[in-house]
Amino acid sequence: MHKLVFLILLYVPLLSQEIQVIDHKIVKDIQPNWPVIINNVLDDSTSFEFLLSLDSVQSVSEGYRVQVLATRYFERAESLAVIMKNTVSDSVYVDFEAPNYKVRIGDFIDRDSAESLQQELVQMGYNSAWILRARINSQASRINY
């Protein structure tokens, strides 16, 4: 008896629903209202062609950097980075790789250039300077073909 009541309660709602047939030829998608984009970044005198012609292309490739310090304290890393920017002519970076801030110098394509900087840093008293492979920034204007 319980099974019969259960089946009736299950099938009665299914049988009482209307079946709707949708004609796909009549139904049309509503076009969205696209926002109006106003570009106030460039005035009318500056064109995109001019901006694209500037030699400011940067590419990222594999190379070498010299790491001088790894510390948990941002202030220490930042103060050493300021000293290094005034001491060496290469780019100085403070990278965060949990849990340490790392002071790294240079964007070297070949290891020999990185080794020469490492030797200079060791002579300056930074005995823990070591070379690592890293993704480096190389500006298109600095690349010699």
Protein backbone atom coordinates (compact mmCIF):
# COMPACT_ATOMS: atom_id res chain seq x y z
CA MET A 1 0.00 0.00 0.00
CA HIS A 2 2.79 2.40 0.88
CA LYS A 3 4.49 1.68 -2.40
CA LEU A 4 1.37 2.54 -4.34
CA VAL A 5 0.96 5.87 -2.52
CA PHE A 6 4.62 6.66 -3.09
CA LEU A 7 4.36 5.96 -6.82
CA ILE A 8 1.21 8.06 -7.13
CA LEU A 9 2.84 10.97 -5.29
CA LEU A 10 5.89 10.65 -7.52
CA TYR A 11 4.16 10.45 -10.91
CA VAL A 12 1.19 12.82 -10.45
CA PRO A 13 3.34 16.01 -10.52
CA LEU A 14 5.21 14.74 -13.55
CA LEU A 15 2.05 13.94 -15.48
CA SER A 16 0.35 17.23 -14.59
CA GLN A 17 3.05 19.40 -16.20
CA GLU A 18 2.46 20.94 -19.60
CA ILE A 19 4.83 20.10 -22.38
CA GLN A 20 5.96 23.21 -24.21
CA VAL A 21 7.34 23.08 -27.71
CA ILE A 22 9.69 25.95 -28.56
CA ASP A 23 9.91 27.09 -32.14
CA HIS A 24 13.57 28.11 -32.57
CA LYS A 25 12.78 30.10 -35.69
CA ILE A 26 10.70 32.57 -33.70
CA VAL A 27 12.94 32.92 -30.64
CA LYS A 28 15.69 35.52 -31.11
CA ASP A 29 18.58 36.45 -28.83
CA ILE A 30 18.42 39.87 -27.26
CA GLN A 31 21.39 42.01 -28.21
CA PRO A 32 23.31 43.30 -25.17
CA ASN A 33 23.72 46.99 -24.53
CA TRP A 34 27.46 47.47 -24.93
CA PRO A 35 29.10 50.20 -22.83
CA VAL A 36 30.46 53.30 -24.51
CA ILE A 37 34.24 53.46 -24.09
CA ILE A 38 35.75 56.90 -23.68
CA ASN A 39 39.55 57.04 -23.89
CA ASN A 40 40.87 60.10 -22.08
CA VAL A 41 44.39 58.71 -21.76
CA LEU A 42 45.58 60.08 -25.09
CA ASP A 43 44.82 63.50 -26.42
CA ASP A 44 44.06 63.94 -30.11
CA SER A 45 47.62 64.94 -30.99
CA THR A 46 49.10 61.61 -29.86
CA SER A 47 48.41 58.64 -32.08
CA PHE A 48 48.79 54.95 -31.37
CA GLU A 49 51.22 54.63 -34.27
CA PHE A 50 53.55 57.11 -32.60
CA LEU A 51 53.38 55.28 -29.26
CA LEU A 52 54.03 51.94 -30.92
CA SER A 53 57.04 53.33 -32.74
CA LEU A 54 58.80 54.21 -29.47
CA ASP A 55 61.59 51.80 -28.55
CA SER A 56 60.18 50.74 -25.21
CA VAL A 57 59.69 47.05 -25.91
CA GLN A 58 60.78 44.79 -23.09
CA SER A 59 61.06 41.06 -23.38
CA VAL A 60 61.60 38.49 -20.68
CA SER A 61 64.07 35.67 -21.25
CA GLU A 62 66.24 33.25 -19.31
CA GLY A 63 69.54 34.53 -18.01
CA TYR A 64 71.56 35.12 -14.86
CA ARG A 65 71.47 37.38 -11.82
CA VAL A 66 73.72 37.69 -8.80
CA GLN A 67 72.01 37.37 -5.43
CA VAL A 68 73.57 39.34 -2.60
CA LEU A 69 71.11 38.94 0.27
CA ALA A 70 68.12 36.90 1.41
CA THR A 71 66.31 38.18 4.50
CA ARG A 72 62.89 38.11 6.10
CA TYR A 73 62.97 41.88 6.66
CA PHE A 74 61.94 44.19 3.83
CA GLU A 75 63.75 47.18 5.36
CA ARG A 76 67.12 45.39 5.26
CA ALA A 77 66.60 44.29 1.68
CA GLU A 78 65.49 47.75 0.58
CA SER A 79 68.41 49.52 2.28
CA LEU A 80 70.93 47.17 0.67
CA ALA A 81 69.21 47.65 -2.69
CA VAL A 82 69.64 51.44 -2.37
CA ILE A 83 73.34 50.96 -1.56
CA MET A 84 73.78 48.60 -4.52
CA LYS A 85 72.03 51.03 -6.90
CA ASN A 86 74.59 53.65 -5.95
CA THR A 87 77.51 51.18 -6.16
CA VAL A 88 76.98 49.07 -9.28
CA SER A 89 75.85 50.12 -12.73
CA ASP A 90 73.51 47.14 -13.27
CA SER A 91 69.84 46.88 -12.41
CA VAL A 92 69.00 46.00 -8.80
CA TYR A 93 65.88 44.05 -7.84
CA VAL A 94 64.20 43.18 -4.55
CA ASP A 95 62.21 39.99 -5.15
CA PHE A 96 59.91 38.37 -2.63
CA GLU A 97 59.90 34.59 -2.52
CA ALA A 98 58.16 33.46 0.65
CA PRO A 99 59.33 33.91 3.31
CA ASN A 100 62.36 35.97 2.18
CA TYR A 101 63.12 39.21 0.37
CA LYS A 102 66.04 38.70 -2.01
CA VAL A 103 68.34 41.39 -3.37
CA ARG A 104 69.43 40.44 -6.89
CA ILE A 105 71.58 42.36 -9.34
CA GLY A 106 71.84 42.35 -13.12
CA ASP A 107 70.20 41.06 -16.27
CA PHE A 108 72.96 38.92 -17.77
CA ILE A 109 72.50 36.80 -20.86
CA ASP A 110 75.78 34.93 -20.39
CA ARG A 111 77.23 33.47 -17.18
CA ASP A 112 80.67 35.05 -17.68
CA SER A 113 79.28 38.56 -17.16
CA ALA A 114 77.50 37.42 -14.02
CA GLU A 115 80.70 35.82 -12.72
CA SER A 116 82.66 39.04 -13.19
CA LEU A 117 80.05 40.96 -11.16
CA GLN A 118 80.12 38.27 -8.51
CA GLN A 119 83.90 38.62 -8.19
CA GLU A 120 83.57 42.41 -7.87
CA LEU A 121 80.98 41.96 -5.11
CA VAL A 122 83.17 39.45 -3.25
CA GLN A 123 86.07 41.93 -3.38
CA MET A 124 83.71 44.58 -1.96
CA GLY A 125 83.00 42.31 1.02
CA TYR A 126 79.77 40.59 -0.07
CA ASN A 127 81.14 37.06 0.32
CA SER A 128 77.72 35.42 0.08
CA ALA A 129 77.09 36.69 -3.47
CA TRP A 130 76.16 33.84 -5.76
CA ILE A 131 74.89 33.38 -9.32
CA LEU A 132 71.46 32.04 -10.12
CA ARG A 133 69.47 31.37 -13.25
CA ALA A 134 66.48 33.66 -13.46
CA ARG A 135 64.06 35.29 -15.82
CA ILE A 136 65.65 38.55 -16.86
CA ASN A 137 64.40 41.73 -18.48
CA SER A 138 66.16 42.59 -21.69
CA GLN A 139 65.23 45.76 -23.52
CA ALA A 140 65.17 45.48 -27.29
CA SER A 141 67.48 48.47 -27.59
CA ARG A 142 70.19 46.72 -25.53
CA ILE A 143 70.26 43.51 -27.56
CA ASN A 144 73.10 43.34 -30.09
CA TYR A 145 72.34 41.35 -33.20
